[in-house]
Amino acid sequence: MAGMSEEEFRWWYRYMKKELNKYAGRGDESARTAMIAGFFGGMSRETVFTADQVSKILALRRPEKE
């Protein structure tokens, strides 16, 4: 299994943060959570994330906690 490189992760993180910011301030964490679930669900089953990478993506659910 191939781990996600830090460079690749940074690209995806910036992309997700930009897209999720469209929902900032709406008080609708469920839309942000659904988008994050789709992100993980859309990844190849062989993609491996570190615990730190997962934590950073999940923190995007609540922008005030970033």
N, C-alpha and C. Protein backbone atom coordinates (compact mmCIF):
# COMPACT_ATOMS: atom_id res chain seq x y z
N MET A 1 0.84 -1.18 0.00
CA MET A 1 0.00 0.00 0.00
C MET A 1 0.88 1.24 0.00
N ALA A 2 0.45 2.19 -0.77
CA ALA A 2 1.22 3.43 -0.89
C ALA A 2 0.65 4.50 0.02
N GLY A 3 1.51 5.09 0.81
CA GLY A 3 1.09 6.21 1.64
C GLY A 3 1.00 7.47 0.81
N MET A 4 0.19 8.39 1.25
CA MET A 4 0.07 9.66 0.55
C MET A 4 1.26 10.53 0.95
N SER A 5 1.97 11.04 -0.05
CA SER A 5 3.13 11.89 0.24
C SER A 5 2.64 13.19 0.87
N GLU A 6 3.53 13.85 1.57
CA GLU A 6 3.17 15.13 2.20
C GLU A 6 2.81 16.17 1.14
N GLU A 7 3.52 16.16 0.02
CA GLU A 7 3.23 17.11 -1.06
C GLU A 7 1.83 16.88 -1.61
N GLU A 8 1.51 15.62 -1.86
CA GLU A 8 0.17 15.28 -2.36
C GLU A 8 -0.90 15.65 -1.33
N PHE A 9 -0.62 15.35 -0.06
CA PHE A 9 -1.57 15.67 0.98
C PHE A 9 -1.80 17.18 1.07
N ARG A 10 -0.74 17.97 0.99
CA ARG A 10 -0.89 19.43 1.07
C ARG A 10 -1.78 19.93 -0.06
N TRP A 11 -1.62 19.35 -1.27
CA TRP A 11 -2.47 19.76 -2.38
C TRP A 11 -3.93 19.46 -2.07
N TRP A 12 -4.21 18.22 -1.63
CA TRP A 12 -5.59 17.85 -1.31
C TRP A 12 -6.15 18.68 -0.16
N TYR A 13 -5.33 18.93 0.84
CA TYR A 13 -5.77 19.71 2.00
C TYR A 13 -6.18 21.13 1.57
N ARG A 14 -5.32 21.77 0.76
CA ARG A 14 -5.66 23.12 0.28
C ARG A 14 -6.95 23.09 -0.55
N TYR A 15 -7.10 22.09 -1.40
CA TYR A 15 -8.30 21.96 -2.21
C TYR A 15 -9.54 21.81 -1.32
N MET A 16 -9.47 20.90 -0.35
CA MET A 16 -10.61 20.67 0.53
C MET A 16 -10.94 21.92 1.34
N LYS A 17 -9.91 22.58 1.85
CA LYS A 17 -10.15 23.78 2.66
C LYS A 17 -10.84 24.85 1.82
N LYS A 18 -10.38 25.04 0.58
CA LYS A 18 -10.99 26.03 -0.30
C LYS A 18 -12.45 25.69 -0.57
N GLU A 19 -12.73 24.45 -0.89
CA GLU A 19 -14.10 24.03 -1.19
C GLU A 19 -14.99 24.11 0.05
N LEU A 20 -14.47 23.70 1.19
CA LEU A 20 -15.27 23.71 2.42
C LEU A 20 -15.51 25.12 2.94
N ASN A 21 -14.64 26.05 2.60
CA ASN A 21 -14.84 27.44 3.02
C ASN A 21 -16.10 28.04 2.42
N LYS A 22 -16.60 27.44 1.36
CA LYS A 22 -17.86 27.90 0.76
C LYS A 22 -19.02 27.71 1.72
N TYR A 23 -18.85 26.82 2.70
CA TYR A 23 -19.90 26.53 3.67
C TYR A 23 -19.64 27.18 5.02
N ALA A 24 -18.56 27.95 5.14
CA ALA A 24 -18.21 28.57 6.41
C ALA A 24 -19.26 29.59 6.83
N GLY A 25 -19.55 29.61 8.10
CA GLY A 25 -20.46 30.59 8.65
C GLY A 25 -21.93 30.27 8.47
N ARG A 26 -22.21 29.18 7.83
CA ARG A 26 -23.62 28.82 7.62
C ARG A 26 -24.18 28.01 8.78
N GLY A 27 -23.30 27.57 9.66
CA GLY A 27 -23.76 26.78 10.80
C GLY A 27 -24.21 25.39 10.40
N ASP A 28 -23.85 24.97 9.19
CA ASP A 28 -24.27 23.66 8.71
C ASP A 28 -23.07 22.74 8.60
N GLU A 29 -22.71 22.17 9.71
CA GLU A 29 -21.57 21.26 9.75
C GLU A 29 -21.84 19.99 8.96
N SER A 30 -23.11 19.62 8.78
CA SER A 30 -23.43 18.37 8.09
C SER A 30 -23.00 18.41 6.62
N ALA A 31 -23.11 19.55 5.96
CA ALA A 31 -22.68 19.65 4.55
C ALA A 31 -21.17 19.49 4.46
N ARG A 32 -20.46 20.09 5.40
CA ARG A 32 -19.00 19.98 5.42
C ARG A 32 -18.59 18.53 5.70
N THR A 33 -19.28 17.89 6.63
CA THR A 33 -18.98 16.51 6.98
C THR A 33 -19.25 15.58 5.79
N ALA A 34 -20.35 15.82 5.07
CA ALA A 34 -20.68 15.01 3.90
C ALA A 34 -19.61 15.15 2.82
N MET A 35 -19.10 16.36 2.65
CA MET A 35 -18.07 16.57 1.65
C MET A 35 -16.77 15.85 2.02
N ILE A 36 -16.44 15.86 3.30
CA ILE A 36 -15.24 15.16 3.77
C ILE A 36 -15.42 13.66 3.61
N ALA A 37 -16.61 13.15 3.93
CA ALA A 37 -16.88 11.72 3.75
C ALA A 37 -16.73 11.34 2.29
N GLY A 38 -17.21 12.18 1.39
CA GLY A 38 -17.07 11.94 -0.03
C GLY A 38 -15.61 11.94 -0.46
N PHE A 39 -14.83 12.82 0.14
CA PHE A 39 -13.39 12.88 -0.16
C PHE A 39 -12.74 11.54 0.18
N PHE A 40 -12.97 11.06 1.40
CA PHE A 40 -12.37 9.79 1.80
C PHE A 40 -12.94 8.63 0.99
N GLY A 41 -14.24 8.67 0.73
CA GLY A 41 -14.87 7.61 -0.04
C GLY A 41 -14.40 7.55 -1.48
N GLY A 42 -13.99 8.69 -2.01
CA GLY A 42 -13.53 8.74 -3.39
C GLY A 42 -12.08 8.35 -3.59
N MET A 43 -11.37 8.20 -2.50
CA MET A 43 -9.97 7.79 -2.59
C MET A 43 -9.87 6.29 -2.91
N SER A 44 -8.82 5.93 -3.58
CA SER A 44 -8.56 4.52 -3.85
C SER A 44 -8.42 3.76 -2.54
N ARG A 45 -8.87 2.54 -2.52
CA ARG A 45 -8.76 1.72 -1.30
C ARG A 45 -7.30 1.51 -0.88
N GLU A 46 -6.39 1.68 -1.81
CA GLU A 46 -4.97 1.50 -1.52
C GLU A 46 -4.32 2.74 -0.90
N THR A 47 -5.04 3.86 -0.90
CA THR A 47 -4.48 5.10 -0.35
C THR A 47 -4.39 4.98 1.17
N VAL A 48 -3.23 5.33 1.69
CA VAL A 48 -2.99 5.26 3.13
C VAL A 48 -2.71 6.66 3.65
N PHE A 49 -3.45 7.05 4.68
CA PHE A 49 -3.25 8.34 5.33
C PHE A 49 -2.59 8.11 6.68
N THR A 50 -1.81 9.09 7.12
CA THR A 50 -1.30 9.03 8.49
C THR A 50 -2.41 9.53 9.42
N ALA A 51 -2.28 9.23 10.68
CA ALA A 51 -3.26 9.71 11.66
C ALA A 51 -3.30 11.24 11.67
N ASP A 52 -2.15 11.87 11.52
CA ASP A 52 -2.09 13.33 11.49
C ASP A 52 -2.85 13.90 10.28
N GLN A 53 -2.70 13.26 9.12
CA GLN A 53 -3.40 13.71 7.93
C GLN A 53 -4.91 13.59 8.10
N VAL A 54 -5.37 12.48 8.64
CA VAL A 54 -6.80 12.28 8.87
C VAL A 54 -7.32 13.34 9.84
N SER A 55 -6.57 13.57 10.90
CA SER A 55 -6.97 14.56 11.90
C SER A 55 -7.11 15.95 11.29
N LYS A 56 -6.17 16.32 10.42
CA LYS A 56 -6.22 17.64 9.79
C LYS A 56 -7.43 17.78 8.88
N ILE A 57 -7.73 16.73 8.11
CA ILE A 57 -8.91 16.78 7.23
C ILE A 57 -10.19 16.85 8.06
N LEU A 58 -10.29 16.04 9.10
CA LEU A 58 -11.49 16.04 9.92
C LEU A 58 -11.69 17.37 10.65
N ALA A 59 -10.61 18.04 10.97
CA ALA A 59 -10.72 19.35 11.64
C ALA A 59 -11.39 20.39 10.73
N LEU A 60 -11.38 20.15 9.43
CA LEU A 60 -12.01 21.08 8.51
C LEU A 60 -13.53 21.10 8.65
N ARG A 61 -14.09 20.14 9.39
CA ARG A 61 -15.55 20.14 9.62
C ARG A 61 -15.96 21.39 10.35
N ARG A 62 -15.10 21.85 11.22
CA ARG A 62 -15.42 23.01 12.06
C ARG A 62 -14.32 24.04 11.90
N PRO A 63 -14.54 25.02 11.00
CA PRO A 63 -13.48 25.99 10.68
C PRO A 63 -12.92 26.74 11.88
N GLU A 64 -13.72 26.93 12.90
CA GLU A 64 -13.21 27.65 14.07
C GLU A 64 -12.17 26.83 14.82
N LYS A 65 -12.06 25.53 14.54
CA LYS A 65 -11.09 24.67 15.22
C LYS A 65 -9.83 24.44 14.41
N GLU A 66 -9.76 25.00 13.20
CA GLU A 66 -8.59 24.79 12.34
C GLU A 66 -7.37 25.46 12.93
